Each structure stands twice: as C-alpha cells, then as structure tokens.
N, C-alpha and C. Protein backbone atom coordinates (compact mmCIF):
# COMPACT_ATOMS: atom_id res chain seq x y z
N MET A 1 0.85 -1.20 0.00
CA MET A 1 0.00 0.00 0.00
C MET A 1 0.88 1.25 0.00
N GLY A 2 0.65 2.13 -0.96
CA GLY A 2 1.43 3.35 -1.04
C GLY A 2 0.95 4.39 -0.04
N GLU A 3 1.70 5.49 0.03
CA GLU A 3 1.37 6.53 1.00
C GLU A 3 0.00 7.15 0.72
N ALA A 4 -0.31 7.37 -0.56
CA ALA A 4 -1.60 7.96 -0.92
C ALA A 4 -2.75 7.03 -0.56
N ASP A 5 -2.57 5.72 -0.81
CA ASP A 5 -3.61 4.75 -0.48
C ASP A 5 -3.81 4.68 1.03
N TRP A 6 -2.71 4.72 1.76
CA TRP A 6 -2.80 4.68 3.23
C TRP A 6 -3.55 5.91 3.75
N GLU A 7 -3.24 7.07 3.21
CA GLU A 7 -3.90 8.30 3.66
C GLU A 7 -5.39 8.26 3.33
N ARG A 8 -5.72 7.71 2.18
CA ARG A 8 -7.13 7.60 1.81
C ARG A 8 -7.85 6.68 2.79
N ALA A 9 -7.24 5.54 3.10
CA ALA A 9 -7.85 4.59 4.03
C ALA A 9 -7.94 5.20 5.44
N ARG A 10 -6.90 5.90 5.84
CA ARG A 10 -6.89 6.50 7.17
C ARG A 10 -8.06 7.47 7.36
N ILE A 11 -8.25 8.34 6.37
CA ILE A 11 -9.27 9.37 6.50
C ILE A 11 -10.67 8.77 6.42
N THR A 12 -10.89 7.86 5.47
CA THR A 12 -12.24 7.29 5.33
C THR A 12 -12.61 6.41 6.53
N GLN A 13 -11.61 5.82 7.18
CA GLN A 13 -11.87 5.02 8.38
C GLN A 13 -11.98 5.87 9.63
N GLY A 14 -11.50 7.12 9.54
CA GLY A 14 -11.58 8.01 10.70
C GLY A 14 -10.47 7.84 11.71
N ARG A 15 -9.33 7.40 11.24
CA ARG A 15 -8.21 7.20 12.16
C ARG A 15 -7.43 8.51 12.30
N PRO A 16 -7.37 9.09 13.52
CA PRO A 16 -6.68 10.38 13.70
C PRO A 16 -5.17 10.24 13.53
N ALA A 17 -4.53 11.28 13.05
CA ALA A 17 -3.08 11.27 12.82
C ALA A 17 -2.43 12.43 13.56
N ALA A 18 -1.19 12.21 13.94
CA ALA A 18 -0.42 13.25 14.63
C ALA A 18 -0.24 14.45 13.72
N GLY A 19 -0.44 15.64 14.28
CA GLY A 19 -0.25 16.87 13.51
C GLY A 19 -1.50 17.35 12.82
N THR A 20 -2.50 16.47 12.66
CA THR A 20 -3.77 16.88 12.04
C THR A 20 -4.90 16.78 13.06
N GLU A 21 -5.24 15.55 13.45
CA GLU A 21 -6.27 15.37 14.47
C GLU A 21 -5.67 15.29 15.89
N LEU A 22 -4.46 14.79 15.98
CA LEU A 22 -3.82 14.64 17.30
C LEU A 22 -2.88 15.82 17.53
N THR A 23 -3.38 16.82 18.20
CA THR A 23 -2.62 18.03 18.49
C THR A 23 -2.87 18.44 19.94
N PRO A 24 -2.11 19.39 20.47
CA PRO A 24 -2.34 19.85 21.85
C PRO A 24 -3.72 20.45 22.08
N ASP A 25 -4.43 20.77 20.98
CA ASP A 25 -5.76 21.38 21.11
C ASP A 25 -6.86 20.36 21.36
N HIS A 26 -6.54 19.06 21.22
CA HIS A 26 -7.58 18.03 21.33
C HIS A 26 -7.08 16.88 22.18
N ASN A 27 -7.95 16.36 23.04
CA ASN A 27 -7.57 15.22 23.87
C ASN A 27 -8.02 13.91 23.20
N PRO A 28 -7.52 12.76 23.67
CA PRO A 28 -7.83 11.48 23.02
C PRO A 28 -9.32 11.15 22.99
N LEU A 29 -10.07 11.60 24.00
CA LEU A 29 -11.50 11.31 24.02
C LEU A 29 -12.22 12.07 22.91
N GLU A 30 -11.80 13.30 22.65
CA GLU A 30 -12.38 14.09 21.57
C GLU A 30 -12.03 13.49 20.22
N ALA A 31 -10.84 12.85 20.14
CA ALA A 31 -10.38 12.27 18.88
C ALA A 31 -11.00 10.91 18.60
N GLY A 32 -11.91 10.47 19.48
CA GLY A 32 -12.56 9.18 19.27
C GLY A 32 -11.70 7.99 19.64
N LEU A 33 -10.73 8.20 20.53
CA LEU A 33 -9.84 7.12 20.95
C LEU A 33 -10.22 6.59 22.33
N CYS A 34 -11.50 6.58 22.63
CA CYS A 34 -11.95 6.10 23.94
C CYS A 34 -11.52 4.67 24.19
N HIS A 35 -11.47 3.85 23.13
CA HIS A 35 -11.07 2.45 23.26
C HIS A 35 -9.59 2.30 23.62
N ALA A 36 -8.81 3.36 23.41
CA ALA A 36 -7.37 3.28 23.67
C ALA A 36 -6.98 3.96 24.98
N VAL A 37 -7.97 4.45 25.73
CA VAL A 37 -7.69 5.18 26.97
C VAL A 37 -8.05 4.33 28.18
N SER A 38 -7.13 4.24 29.14
CA SER A 38 -7.41 3.56 30.41
C SER A 38 -7.23 4.56 31.54
N LEU A 39 -8.17 4.58 32.46
CA LEU A 39 -8.07 5.45 33.62
C LEU A 39 -7.58 4.70 34.85
N GLU A 40 -7.19 3.44 34.66
CA GLU A 40 -6.79 2.60 35.79
C GLU A 40 -5.34 2.14 35.72
N LYS A 41 -4.67 2.35 34.60
CA LYS A 41 -3.30 1.85 34.44
C LYS A 41 -2.29 2.95 34.74
N GLY A 42 -1.43 2.68 35.72
CA GLY A 42 -0.30 3.57 35.99
C GLY A 42 -0.72 5.00 36.28
N CYS A 43 0.21 5.90 36.04
CA CYS A 43 -0.05 7.32 36.25
C CYS A 43 0.64 8.06 35.10
N TYR A 44 -0.12 8.80 34.31
CA TYR A 44 0.45 9.45 33.14
C TYR A 44 -0.06 10.88 33.05
N ILE A 45 0.64 11.68 32.28
CA ILE A 45 0.27 13.09 32.13
C ILE A 45 -1.12 13.20 31.51
N GLY A 46 -1.98 13.96 32.15
CA GLY A 46 -3.32 14.18 31.62
C GLY A 46 -4.36 13.20 32.13
N GLN A 47 -3.95 12.21 32.93
CA GLN A 47 -4.90 11.20 33.39
C GLN A 47 -6.03 11.80 34.23
N GLU A 48 -5.68 12.70 35.14
CA GLU A 48 -6.71 13.29 35.99
C GLU A 48 -7.69 14.14 35.17
N THR A 49 -7.17 14.84 34.17
CA THR A 49 -8.04 15.64 33.31
C THR A 49 -9.02 14.75 32.55
N LEU A 50 -8.52 13.63 32.00
CA LEU A 50 -9.40 12.71 31.28
C LEU A 50 -10.44 12.10 32.22
N ALA A 51 -10.03 11.84 33.47
CA ALA A 51 -10.98 11.29 34.44
C ALA A 51 -12.10 12.29 34.72
N LYS A 52 -11.75 13.56 34.86
CA LYS A 52 -12.76 14.58 35.13
C LYS A 52 -13.71 14.73 33.94
N VAL A 53 -13.16 14.69 32.72
CA VAL A 53 -14.00 14.78 31.52
C VAL A 53 -14.97 13.60 31.47
N THR A 54 -14.45 12.42 31.83
CA THR A 54 -15.29 11.21 31.83
C THR A 54 -16.39 11.31 32.88
N ASN A 55 -16.02 11.76 34.08
CA ASN A 55 -16.99 11.85 35.18
C ASN A 55 -18.16 12.78 34.84
N THR A 56 -17.85 13.86 34.13
CA THR A 56 -18.88 14.87 33.85
C THR A 56 -19.44 14.76 32.44
N ASN A 57 -18.95 13.76 31.68
CA ASN A 57 -19.34 13.63 30.26
C ASN A 57 -19.14 14.98 29.57
N GLY A 58 -17.97 15.56 29.83
CA GLY A 58 -17.73 16.94 29.42
C GLY A 58 -17.00 17.11 28.10
N ILE A 59 -17.18 16.19 27.17
CA ILE A 59 -16.55 16.34 25.87
C ILE A 59 -17.25 17.45 25.10
N LYS A 60 -16.50 18.47 24.73
CA LYS A 60 -17.10 19.65 24.08
C LYS A 60 -17.01 19.61 22.57
N GLN A 61 -16.14 18.75 22.03
CA GLN A 61 -16.02 18.62 20.58
C GLN A 61 -15.65 17.19 20.25
N GLN A 62 -16.04 16.74 19.07
CA GLN A 62 -15.79 15.36 18.66
C GLN A 62 -15.32 15.31 17.21
N LEU A 63 -14.58 14.25 16.90
CA LEU A 63 -14.10 14.03 15.53
C LEU A 63 -15.17 13.27 14.75
N TRP A 64 -15.51 13.81 13.57
CA TRP A 64 -16.53 13.20 12.72
C TRP A 64 -16.05 13.15 11.27
N GLY A 65 -16.69 12.26 10.51
CA GLY A 65 -16.46 12.23 9.07
C GLY A 65 -17.37 13.23 8.38
N LEU A 66 -16.92 13.70 7.22
CA LEU A 66 -17.70 14.69 6.47
C LEU A 66 -17.75 14.30 4.99
N GLN A 67 -18.96 14.07 4.49
CA GLN A 67 -19.14 13.83 3.07
C GLN A 67 -19.26 15.20 2.41
N LEU A 68 -18.19 15.58 1.71
CA LEU A 68 -18.10 16.94 1.16
C LEU A 68 -18.69 16.99 -0.26
N SER A 69 -19.12 18.16 -0.62
CA SER A 69 -19.69 18.34 -1.96
C SER A 69 -18.64 18.78 -2.97
N CYS A 70 -17.47 19.17 -2.47
CA CYS A 70 -16.39 19.60 -3.37
C CYS A 70 -15.06 19.56 -2.61
N ARG A 71 -14.00 19.93 -3.27
CA ARG A 71 -12.70 19.98 -2.63
C ARG A 71 -12.71 20.96 -1.46
N ALA A 72 -11.86 20.66 -0.47
CA ALA A 72 -11.73 21.57 0.68
C ALA A 72 -10.33 21.43 1.25
N LEU A 73 -9.87 22.47 1.86
CA LEU A 73 -8.53 22.46 2.44
C LEU A 73 -8.60 22.25 3.95
N PRO A 74 -7.70 21.43 4.50
CA PRO A 74 -7.64 21.30 5.95
C PRO A 74 -7.49 22.68 6.60
N GLY A 75 -8.22 22.89 7.64
CA GLY A 75 -8.25 24.20 8.29
C GLY A 75 -9.48 25.00 7.92
N ALA A 76 -10.24 24.51 6.93
CA ALA A 76 -11.46 25.20 6.51
C ALA A 76 -12.46 25.27 7.65
N THR A 77 -13.20 26.36 7.72
CA THR A 77 -14.19 26.56 8.77
C THR A 77 -15.44 25.74 8.50
N ILE A 78 -15.95 25.10 9.56
CA ILE A 78 -17.21 24.36 9.48
C ILE A 78 -18.26 25.16 10.24
N THR A 79 -19.38 25.42 9.58
CA THR A 79 -20.45 26.20 10.20
C THR A 79 -21.78 25.48 10.06
N THR A 80 -22.74 25.95 10.82
CA THR A 80 -24.11 25.49 10.59
C THR A 80 -24.58 26.06 9.26
N SER A 81 -25.72 25.62 8.80
CA SER A 81 -26.23 26.12 7.51
C SER A 81 -26.57 27.60 7.62
N ALA A 82 -26.66 28.22 6.45
CA ALA A 82 -26.99 29.65 6.42
C ALA A 82 -28.35 29.91 7.07
N ALA A 83 -29.27 28.94 6.91
CA ALA A 83 -30.60 29.10 7.49
C ALA A 83 -30.55 29.09 9.02
N GLU A 84 -29.49 28.46 9.57
CA GLU A 84 -29.35 28.37 11.02
C GLU A 84 -28.37 29.42 11.55
N GLY A 85 -27.99 30.36 10.70
CA GLY A 85 -27.16 31.47 11.15
C GLY A 85 -25.69 31.35 10.84
N ALA A 86 -25.29 30.27 10.14
CA ALA A 86 -23.88 30.07 9.76
C ALA A 86 -22.94 30.24 10.97
N GLU A 87 -23.29 29.60 12.06
CA GLU A 87 -22.48 29.67 13.29
C GLU A 87 -21.29 28.73 13.18
N VAL A 88 -20.11 29.21 13.52
CA VAL A 88 -18.90 28.38 13.46
C VAL A 88 -18.97 27.29 14.52
N ILE A 89 -18.82 26.03 14.09
CA ILE A 89 -18.89 24.92 15.04
C ILE A 89 -17.68 23.99 14.94
N GLY A 90 -16.73 24.30 14.06
CA GLY A 90 -15.56 23.43 13.97
C GLY A 90 -14.67 23.75 12.80
N ARG A 91 -13.67 22.85 12.60
CA ARG A 91 -12.73 23.03 11.50
C ARG A 91 -12.38 21.68 10.87
N LEU A 92 -12.12 21.71 9.57
CA LEU A 92 -11.71 20.53 8.83
C LEU A 92 -10.25 20.23 9.15
N THR A 93 -9.94 18.95 9.42
CA THR A 93 -8.56 18.58 9.76
C THR A 93 -7.87 17.77 8.66
N SER A 94 -8.65 16.97 7.91
CA SER A 94 -8.07 16.16 6.83
C SER A 94 -9.04 16.09 5.66
N TYR A 95 -8.47 15.91 4.45
CA TYR A 95 -9.31 15.84 3.24
C TYR A 95 -8.70 14.83 2.27
N VAL A 96 -9.60 14.12 1.54
CA VAL A 96 -9.14 13.21 0.50
C VAL A 96 -10.16 13.22 -0.65
N ASN A 97 -9.62 13.17 -1.86
CA ASN A 97 -10.45 13.09 -3.06
C ASN A 97 -10.67 11.62 -3.39
N LEU A 98 -11.92 11.17 -3.33
CA LEU A 98 -12.24 9.76 -3.59
C LEU A 98 -12.62 9.53 -5.05
N GLU A 99 -12.33 10.52 -5.90
CA GLU A 99 -12.60 10.44 -7.33
C GLU A 99 -14.08 10.16 -7.60
N GLN A 100 -14.41 8.98 -8.14
CA GLN A 100 -15.81 8.71 -8.48
C GLN A 100 -16.73 8.72 -7.25
N ASN A 101 -16.14 8.52 -6.07
CA ASN A 101 -16.95 8.47 -4.85
C ASN A 101 -17.02 9.81 -4.13
N GLY A 102 -16.58 10.86 -4.79
CA GLY A 102 -16.73 12.19 -4.23
C GLY A 102 -15.57 12.64 -3.34
N HIS A 103 -15.88 13.45 -2.39
CA HIS A 103 -14.86 14.05 -1.52
C HIS A 103 -15.20 13.74 -0.06
N PHE A 104 -14.16 13.53 0.71
CA PHE A 104 -14.37 13.14 2.11
C PHE A 104 -13.36 13.83 3.00
N GLY A 105 -13.77 14.09 4.23
CA GLY A 105 -12.86 14.73 5.17
C GLY A 105 -13.15 14.35 6.61
N LEU A 106 -12.25 14.77 7.48
CA LEU A 106 -12.44 14.63 8.92
C LEU A 106 -12.41 16.02 9.55
N GLY A 107 -13.16 16.18 10.60
CA GLY A 107 -13.14 17.48 11.26
C GLY A 107 -13.69 17.39 12.67
N TYR A 108 -13.26 18.32 13.49
CA TYR A 108 -13.80 18.43 14.85
C TYR A 108 -15.03 19.34 14.84
N LEU A 109 -16.09 18.86 15.47
CA LEU A 109 -17.32 19.62 15.56
C LEU A 109 -17.70 19.83 17.03
N ARG A 110 -18.20 20.99 17.34
CA ARG A 110 -18.67 21.24 18.69
C ARG A 110 -19.85 20.32 19.00
N SER A 111 -19.73 19.58 20.11
CA SER A 111 -20.75 18.59 20.43
C SER A 111 -21.60 18.95 21.64
N ARG A 112 -21.33 20.10 22.25
CA ARG A 112 -22.15 20.55 23.38
C ARG A 112 -22.59 21.99 23.13
N LYS A 113 -23.82 22.27 23.51
CA LYS A 113 -24.34 23.63 23.40
C LYS A 113 -25.14 23.94 24.66
N ARG A 114 -24.70 24.99 25.35
CA ARG A 114 -25.31 25.37 26.64
C ARG A 114 -25.31 24.20 27.62
N GLY A 115 -24.18 23.45 27.60
CA GLY A 115 -24.00 22.35 28.55
C GLY A 115 -24.71 21.06 28.19
N VAL A 116 -25.35 20.99 27.02
CA VAL A 116 -26.10 19.81 26.62
C VAL A 116 -25.49 19.20 25.36
N GLN A 117 -25.33 17.85 25.36
CA GLN A 117 -24.82 17.17 24.16
C GLN A 117 -25.82 17.31 23.02
N VAL A 118 -25.32 17.63 21.85
CA VAL A 118 -26.20 17.78 20.69
C VAL A 118 -25.92 16.67 19.69
N PRO A 119 -26.94 16.10 19.06
CA PRO A 119 -26.74 15.05 18.06
C PRO A 119 -26.11 15.64 16.79
N LEU A 120 -25.12 14.94 16.25
CA LEU A 120 -24.42 15.46 15.08
C LEU A 120 -24.56 14.56 13.85
N GLU A 121 -24.67 13.26 14.06
CA GLU A 121 -24.70 12.33 12.93
C GLU A 121 -25.87 12.62 12.01
N GLY A 122 -25.57 12.78 10.72
CA GLY A 122 -26.60 12.96 9.71
C GLY A 122 -26.99 14.40 9.44
N ILE A 123 -26.51 15.34 10.25
CA ILE A 123 -26.91 16.73 10.01
C ILE A 123 -26.12 17.31 8.83
N THR A 124 -26.64 18.36 8.25
CA THR A 124 -25.95 19.05 7.16
C THR A 124 -25.29 20.31 7.69
N VAL A 125 -24.01 20.46 7.37
CA VAL A 125 -23.25 21.65 7.77
C VAL A 125 -22.65 22.26 6.50
N GLU A 126 -21.89 23.31 6.68
CA GLU A 126 -21.20 23.91 5.54
C GLU A 126 -19.70 23.99 5.83
N VAL A 127 -18.91 23.61 4.84
CA VAL A 127 -17.45 23.69 4.93
C VAL A 127 -16.99 24.73 3.93
N ASP A 128 -16.53 25.84 4.44
CA ASP A 128 -16.19 26.99 3.59
C ASP A 128 -17.36 27.38 2.69
N GLY A 129 -18.54 27.31 3.28
CA GLY A 129 -19.73 27.74 2.56
C GLY A 129 -20.38 26.69 1.68
N GLN A 130 -19.77 25.50 1.56
CA GLN A 130 -20.31 24.45 0.71
C GLN A 130 -20.92 23.35 1.59
N PRO A 131 -22.06 22.80 1.18
CA PRO A 131 -22.75 21.82 2.03
C PRO A 131 -21.95 20.52 2.22
N ALA A 132 -22.09 19.94 3.39
CA ALA A 132 -21.44 18.68 3.71
C ALA A 132 -22.31 17.94 4.72
N LYS A 133 -22.27 16.62 4.68
CA LYS A 133 -23.06 15.80 5.60
C LYS A 133 -22.16 15.17 6.65
N VAL A 134 -22.57 15.25 7.91
CA VAL A 134 -21.79 14.67 9.01
C VAL A 134 -22.11 13.18 9.10
N VAL A 135 -21.06 12.34 9.05
CA VAL A 135 -21.25 10.89 9.12
C VAL A 135 -20.30 10.29 10.14
N ASN A 136 -20.69 9.14 10.64
CA ASN A 136 -19.82 8.42 11.57
C ASN A 136 -18.71 7.72 10.78
N VAL A 137 -17.63 7.40 11.46
CA VAL A 137 -16.52 6.69 10.83
C VAL A 137 -16.15 5.49 11.69
N PRO A 138 -15.71 4.37 11.07
CA PRO A 138 -15.54 3.11 11.79
C PRO A 138 -14.54 3.13 12.95
N TYR A 139 -13.44 3.85 12.78
CA TYR A 139 -12.37 3.76 13.79
C TYR A 139 -12.73 4.48 15.09
N VAL A 140 -13.56 5.48 15.01
CA VAL A 140 -13.89 6.30 16.17
C VAL A 140 -14.80 5.56 17.14
N THR A 141 -14.50 5.66 18.43
CA THR A 141 -15.38 5.15 19.48
C THR A 141 -15.73 6.30 20.42
N ARG A 142 -16.98 6.34 20.84
CA ARG A 142 -17.44 7.44 21.69
C ARG A 142 -17.90 6.98 23.07
N GLN A 143 -17.80 5.65 23.33
CA GLN A 143 -18.15 5.14 24.65
C GLN A 143 -17.01 5.46 25.61
N LEU A 144 -17.27 6.33 26.58
CA LEU A 144 -16.22 6.78 27.48
C LEU A 144 -15.67 5.63 28.31
N PRO A 145 -14.35 5.66 28.63
CA PRO A 145 -13.74 4.58 29.42
C PRO A 145 -14.33 4.54 30.82
N LYS A 146 -14.37 3.32 31.39
CA LYS A 146 -14.92 3.15 32.73
C LYS A 146 -13.82 3.32 33.76
N GLN A 147 -14.23 3.81 34.94
CA GLN A 147 -13.32 3.94 36.06
C GLN A 147 -13.64 2.88 37.09
N GLN A 148 -12.59 2.42 37.80
CA GLN A 148 -12.77 1.43 38.84
C GLN A 148 -13.50 2.08 40.02
N THR A 149 -14.53 1.40 40.53
CA THR A 149 -15.27 1.93 41.67
C THR A 149 -15.28 0.91 42.79
N SER A 150 -15.41 1.37 44.00
CA SER A 150 -15.42 0.49 45.16
C SER A 150 -16.72 -0.31 45.19
N SER A 151 -16.63 -1.59 45.61
CA SER A 151 -17.81 -2.45 45.66
C SER A 151 -18.80 -1.97 46.70
N SER A 152 -18.32 -1.22 47.70
CA SER A 152 -19.20 -0.75 48.76
C SER A 152 -19.92 0.54 48.37
N SER A 153 -19.53 1.14 47.26
CA SER A 153 -20.14 2.40 46.84
C SER A 153 -21.41 2.12 46.07
N SER A 154 -22.42 2.91 46.28
CA SER A 154 -23.66 2.76 45.53
C SER A 154 -23.53 3.43 44.19
N SER A 155 -24.45 3.08 43.28
CA SER A 155 -24.36 3.65 41.94
C SER A 155 -24.61 5.14 41.94
N SER A 156 -25.28 5.65 42.98
CA SER A 156 -25.58 7.07 43.03
C SER A 156 -24.52 7.86 43.77
N ALA A 157 -23.49 7.17 44.29
CA ALA A 157 -22.45 7.87 45.05
C ALA A 157 -21.65 8.75 44.13
N SER A 158 -21.23 9.89 44.62
CA SER A 158 -20.44 10.81 43.80
C SER A 158 -19.05 10.27 43.62
N ILE A 159 -18.47 10.47 42.45
CA ILE A 159 -17.13 10.00 42.12
C ILE A 159 -16.13 11.05 42.53
N PRO A 160 -15.10 10.69 43.31
CA PRO A 160 -14.12 11.69 43.75
C PRO A 160 -13.38 12.28 42.59
N SER A 161 -12.88 13.48 42.77
CA SER A 161 -12.20 14.19 41.69
C SER A 161 -10.89 13.53 41.31
N SER A 162 -10.23 12.89 42.27
CA SER A 162 -8.96 12.22 41.98
C SER A 162 -9.24 10.74 41.76
N SER A 163 -8.66 10.14 40.74
CA SER A 163 -8.87 8.74 40.47
C SER A 163 -8.10 7.89 41.47
N PRO A 164 -8.53 6.58 41.71
CA PRO A 164 -7.79 5.70 42.61
C PRO A 164 -6.34 5.55 42.19
N THR A 165 -6.11 5.51 40.89
CA THR A 165 -4.73 5.35 40.42
C THR A 165 -3.88 6.54 40.84
N ALA A 166 -4.44 7.75 40.71
CA ALA A 166 -3.70 8.94 41.10
C ALA A 166 -3.42 8.93 42.60
N ALA A 167 -4.42 8.45 43.41
CA ALA A 167 -4.21 8.40 44.86
C ALA A 167 -3.11 7.42 45.21
N ASN A 168 -3.12 6.24 44.53
CA ASN A 168 -2.07 5.26 44.78
C ASN A 168 -0.70 5.80 44.39
N ALA A 169 -0.68 6.57 43.29
CA ALA A 169 0.58 7.15 42.85
C ALA A 169 1.12 8.13 43.89
N ASP A 170 0.19 8.92 44.49
CA ASP A 170 0.61 9.87 45.52
C ASP A 170 1.21 9.15 46.71
N VAL A 171 0.58 8.02 47.12
CA VAL A 171 1.11 7.24 48.24
C VAL A 171 2.49 6.70 47.90
N GLY A 172 2.65 6.20 46.65
CA GLY A 172 3.94 5.69 46.23
C GLY A 172 5.03 6.75 46.26
N ILE A 173 4.69 7.95 45.83
CA ILE A 173 5.66 9.06 45.84
C ILE A 173 6.05 9.39 47.27
N GLN A 174 5.06 9.41 48.17
CA GLN A 174 5.34 9.70 49.57
C GLN A 174 6.24 8.63 50.18
N ASP A 175 5.97 7.35 49.85
CA ASP A 175 6.81 6.26 50.37
C ASP A 175 8.25 6.39 49.88
N ARG A 176 8.41 6.72 48.59
CA ARG A 176 9.77 6.86 48.04
C ARG A 176 10.49 8.04 48.68
N ALA A 177 9.74 9.12 48.94
CA ALA A 177 10.35 10.29 49.57
C ALA A 177 10.79 9.96 50.99
N ALA A 178 9.94 9.20 51.73
CA ALA A 178 10.30 8.82 53.10
C ALA A 178 11.52 7.90 53.10
N ALA A 179 11.57 6.96 52.14
CA ALA A 179 12.70 6.04 52.06
C ALA A 179 13.99 6.80 51.73
N ALA A 180 13.90 7.78 50.83
CA ALA A 180 15.07 8.58 50.47
C ALA A 180 15.56 9.39 51.67
N LYS A 181 14.61 9.91 52.46
CA LYS A 181 14.97 10.69 53.64
C LYS A 181 15.67 9.81 54.67
N GLN A 182 15.16 8.59 54.86
CA GLN A 182 15.78 7.66 55.79
C GLN A 182 17.18 7.27 55.33
N ALA A 183 17.33 7.02 54.04
CA ALA A 183 18.64 6.64 53.50
C ALA A 183 19.65 7.78 53.69
N LYS A 184 19.19 9.01 53.48
CA LYS A 184 20.08 10.17 53.67
C LYS A 184 20.48 10.31 55.12
N ALA A 185 19.52 10.08 56.05
CA ALA A 185 19.83 10.16 57.48
C ALA A 185 20.82 9.08 57.89
N ALA A 186 20.63 7.87 57.33
CA ALA A 186 21.54 6.76 57.65
C ALA A 186 22.95 7.05 57.12
N GLU A 187 23.02 7.63 55.92
CA GLU A 187 24.32 7.97 55.35
C GLU A 187 25.03 9.02 56.20
N LYS A 188 24.28 10.01 56.67
CA LYS A 188 24.86 11.06 57.51
C LYS A 188 25.35 10.49 58.83
N ALA A 189 24.57 9.54 59.42
CA ALA A 189 24.97 8.91 60.68
C ALA A 189 26.26 8.11 60.49
N ALA A 190 26.35 7.41 59.35
CA ALA A 190 27.56 6.63 59.08
C ALA A 190 28.78 7.54 58.92
N GLN A 191 28.59 8.68 58.26
CA GLN A 191 29.69 9.63 58.11
C GLN A 191 30.14 10.19 59.45
N GLU A 192 29.19 10.49 60.34
CA GLU A 192 29.52 11.00 61.67
C GLU A 192 30.26 9.94 62.48
N ALA A 193 29.83 8.68 62.37
CA ALA A 193 30.50 7.59 63.09
C ALA A 193 31.93 7.41 62.60
N ALA A 194 32.13 7.47 61.30
CA ALA A 194 33.48 7.33 60.74
C ALA A 194 34.36 8.49 61.20
N LYS A 195 33.81 9.68 61.23
CA LYS A 195 34.56 10.86 61.69
C LYS A 195 34.98 10.70 63.15
N ALA A 196 34.04 10.16 63.97
CA ALA A 196 34.36 9.94 65.39
C ALA A 196 35.47 8.90 65.55
N GLU A 197 35.44 7.87 64.72
CA GLU A 197 36.47 6.84 64.79
C GLU A 197 37.84 7.40 64.41
N ARG A 198 37.88 8.26 63.38
CA ARG A 198 39.15 8.87 62.97
C ARG A 198 39.70 9.77 64.08
N LEU A 199 38.80 10.54 64.73
CA LEU A 199 39.22 11.41 65.81
C LEU A 199 39.77 10.60 66.98
N LYS A 200 39.10 9.51 67.27
CA LYS A 200 39.54 8.64 68.35
C LYS A 200 40.92 8.06 68.07
N ALA A 201 41.14 7.65 66.82
CA ALA A 201 42.44 7.09 66.44
C ALA A 201 43.53 8.16 66.53
N MET A 202 43.24 9.39 66.12
CA MET A 202 44.21 10.48 66.21
C MET A 202 44.56 10.78 67.67
N GLN A 203 43.56 10.77 68.54
CA GLN A 203 43.80 11.01 69.95
C GLN A 203 44.67 9.91 70.56
N ALA A 204 44.45 8.67 70.11
CA ALA A 204 45.26 7.55 70.62
C ALA A 204 46.71 7.70 70.18
N ARG A 205 46.92 8.09 68.92
CA ARG A 205 48.29 8.27 68.43
C ARG A 205 48.98 9.42 69.17
N LEU A 206 48.23 10.51 69.44
CA LEU A 206 48.79 11.65 70.15
C LEU A 206 49.19 11.26 71.58
N ALA A 207 48.34 10.48 72.21
CA ALA A 207 48.64 10.03 73.57
C ALA A 207 49.89 9.15 73.58
N ALA A 208 50.03 8.29 72.60
CA ALA A 208 51.20 7.42 72.52
C ALA A 208 52.47 8.23 72.28
N TRP A 209 52.37 9.25 71.42
CA TRP A 209 53.54 10.10 71.14
C TRP A 209 53.95 10.87 72.40
N GLN A 210 52.94 11.41 73.15
CA GLN A 210 53.25 12.14 74.38
C GLN A 210 53.92 11.22 75.41
N ALA A 211 53.45 9.99 75.49
CA ALA A 211 54.05 9.04 76.43
C ALA A 211 55.49 8.74 76.05
N THR A 212 55.75 8.62 74.76
CA THR A 212 57.12 8.37 74.30
C THR A 212 58.03 9.54 74.64
N GLN A 213 57.53 10.78 74.45
CA GLN A 213 58.32 11.97 74.76
C GLN A 213 58.66 12.04 76.26
N GLN A 214 57.72 11.69 77.11
CA GLN A 214 57.96 11.72 78.55
C GLN A 214 59.02 10.70 78.95
N GLN A 215 58.97 9.52 78.34
CA GLN A 215 59.98 8.50 78.64
C GLN A 215 61.38 8.94 78.23
N GLU A 216 61.50 9.58 77.10
CA GLU A 216 62.80 10.05 76.62
C GLU A 216 63.35 11.14 77.53
N GLN A 217 62.48 12.02 78.03
CA GLN A 217 62.93 13.07 78.92
C GLN A 217 63.41 12.49 80.26
N GLN A 218 62.76 11.46 80.74
CA GLN A 218 63.15 10.84 82.00
C GLN A 218 64.50 10.14 81.88
N GLN A 219 64.82 9.61 80.73
CA GLN A 219 66.11 8.95 80.54
C GLN A 219 67.25 9.99 80.45
C-alpha cells in the first residue's frame, strides 16, 4: 500500500493522525480514541483531566467524518447552515479526493451547546460555505472509558475528583520520599560515626607520642 492509499484509508476510516487530528488542542476522548484510553493503568500526564471529563461527560467537541460536496482544504471553517445562522462549530482537519466516490474529510465539531450534548450524525453543515453531511466513521469510538469503583459504593455515590490510580501514585511518591529521607539520614549517621572513629584514632596516636616523649625526657 502506497502513501496515498494509506492516507485515503486513514481518512475514510476516521483514524486520527499526529499533527492533524492529534494536536495539543484536542484530547484522546475528543479524537474518538476512547477504546485506547485507560483510567486505571499507571499514572500518566493528563490522566486526571481525562478522568474529570469522563466523570462529567464533558466532551465539548468530537471528531466526525464529512461527506463533502467539493474539494476543501484542511483548516477550513465548518459552520451550521446559512438558514441556522452560519455559526462556526468546527474546522476541517483532513481531506481526501475519492474520485468517483466524491470528496471526504475529517473534522472536529462542537458537540455541546449550553451544557447539553447535541446530536451530530446525519446533520448538514457547511465547509467553507459548501454543504457537507456529518457521518460516523468506523475507527472512532465514543463510549467513554470506565473507572474502577469500590464495591461498597452505591451507583448514586459521587465519584471523587482524583482517580484511585492517582491516589495510589501519591502514596507511592510519599513512600519513596520517606525512604530517600531515611537513607540520607543513615548515610549522615555513618559519616559521623566514621569521623568519630578517625578522631579517636588520632587522639590515641597523640597520647602514645606524648608518652614516648615523657619516657625520653626521664632517661
């Protein structure tokens, strides 16, 4: 498979790529990578943020496929239809010409309005003023990852802001810090003991030398 074929397959399947869909402006949940995110494994940068987004279902934008009516450039503005006020709701991130099958692209669309999730699949939008249909793509998953919960907690119990993994990580950091402090104290004690031994040996040699001097004077 050549590079052009791979890019065509990537875009039509909805697989996000670094530099286009995967940028500092978008998190993995927005990119449709819910299946690749774990909130229970280890401790990594951004884990607490993803946990909070999951807890509140706070995804504000999502990656969708776009059946375009003509060519378009990545970065093109996506708006609602002119009849709905042409409100900006996103931007095109990738585009491919499917020849006989038309034009296709990927783009991030705003998925919440006034705090409420809005349905996007099947709606008509405009990309640089030209009509386009929002469609789902196979690679994207929108089912948010699950967090581990205590068996004693009821389903209506509030979820703490910090994940169990983050709490365990904090305990681990504290344990390592305490161990390092103890090791440093032990090292300092050993150095003090060695210093005392050297001083004791010097005092013994001095006493022996003084005794020798006294004997020589008496002779």
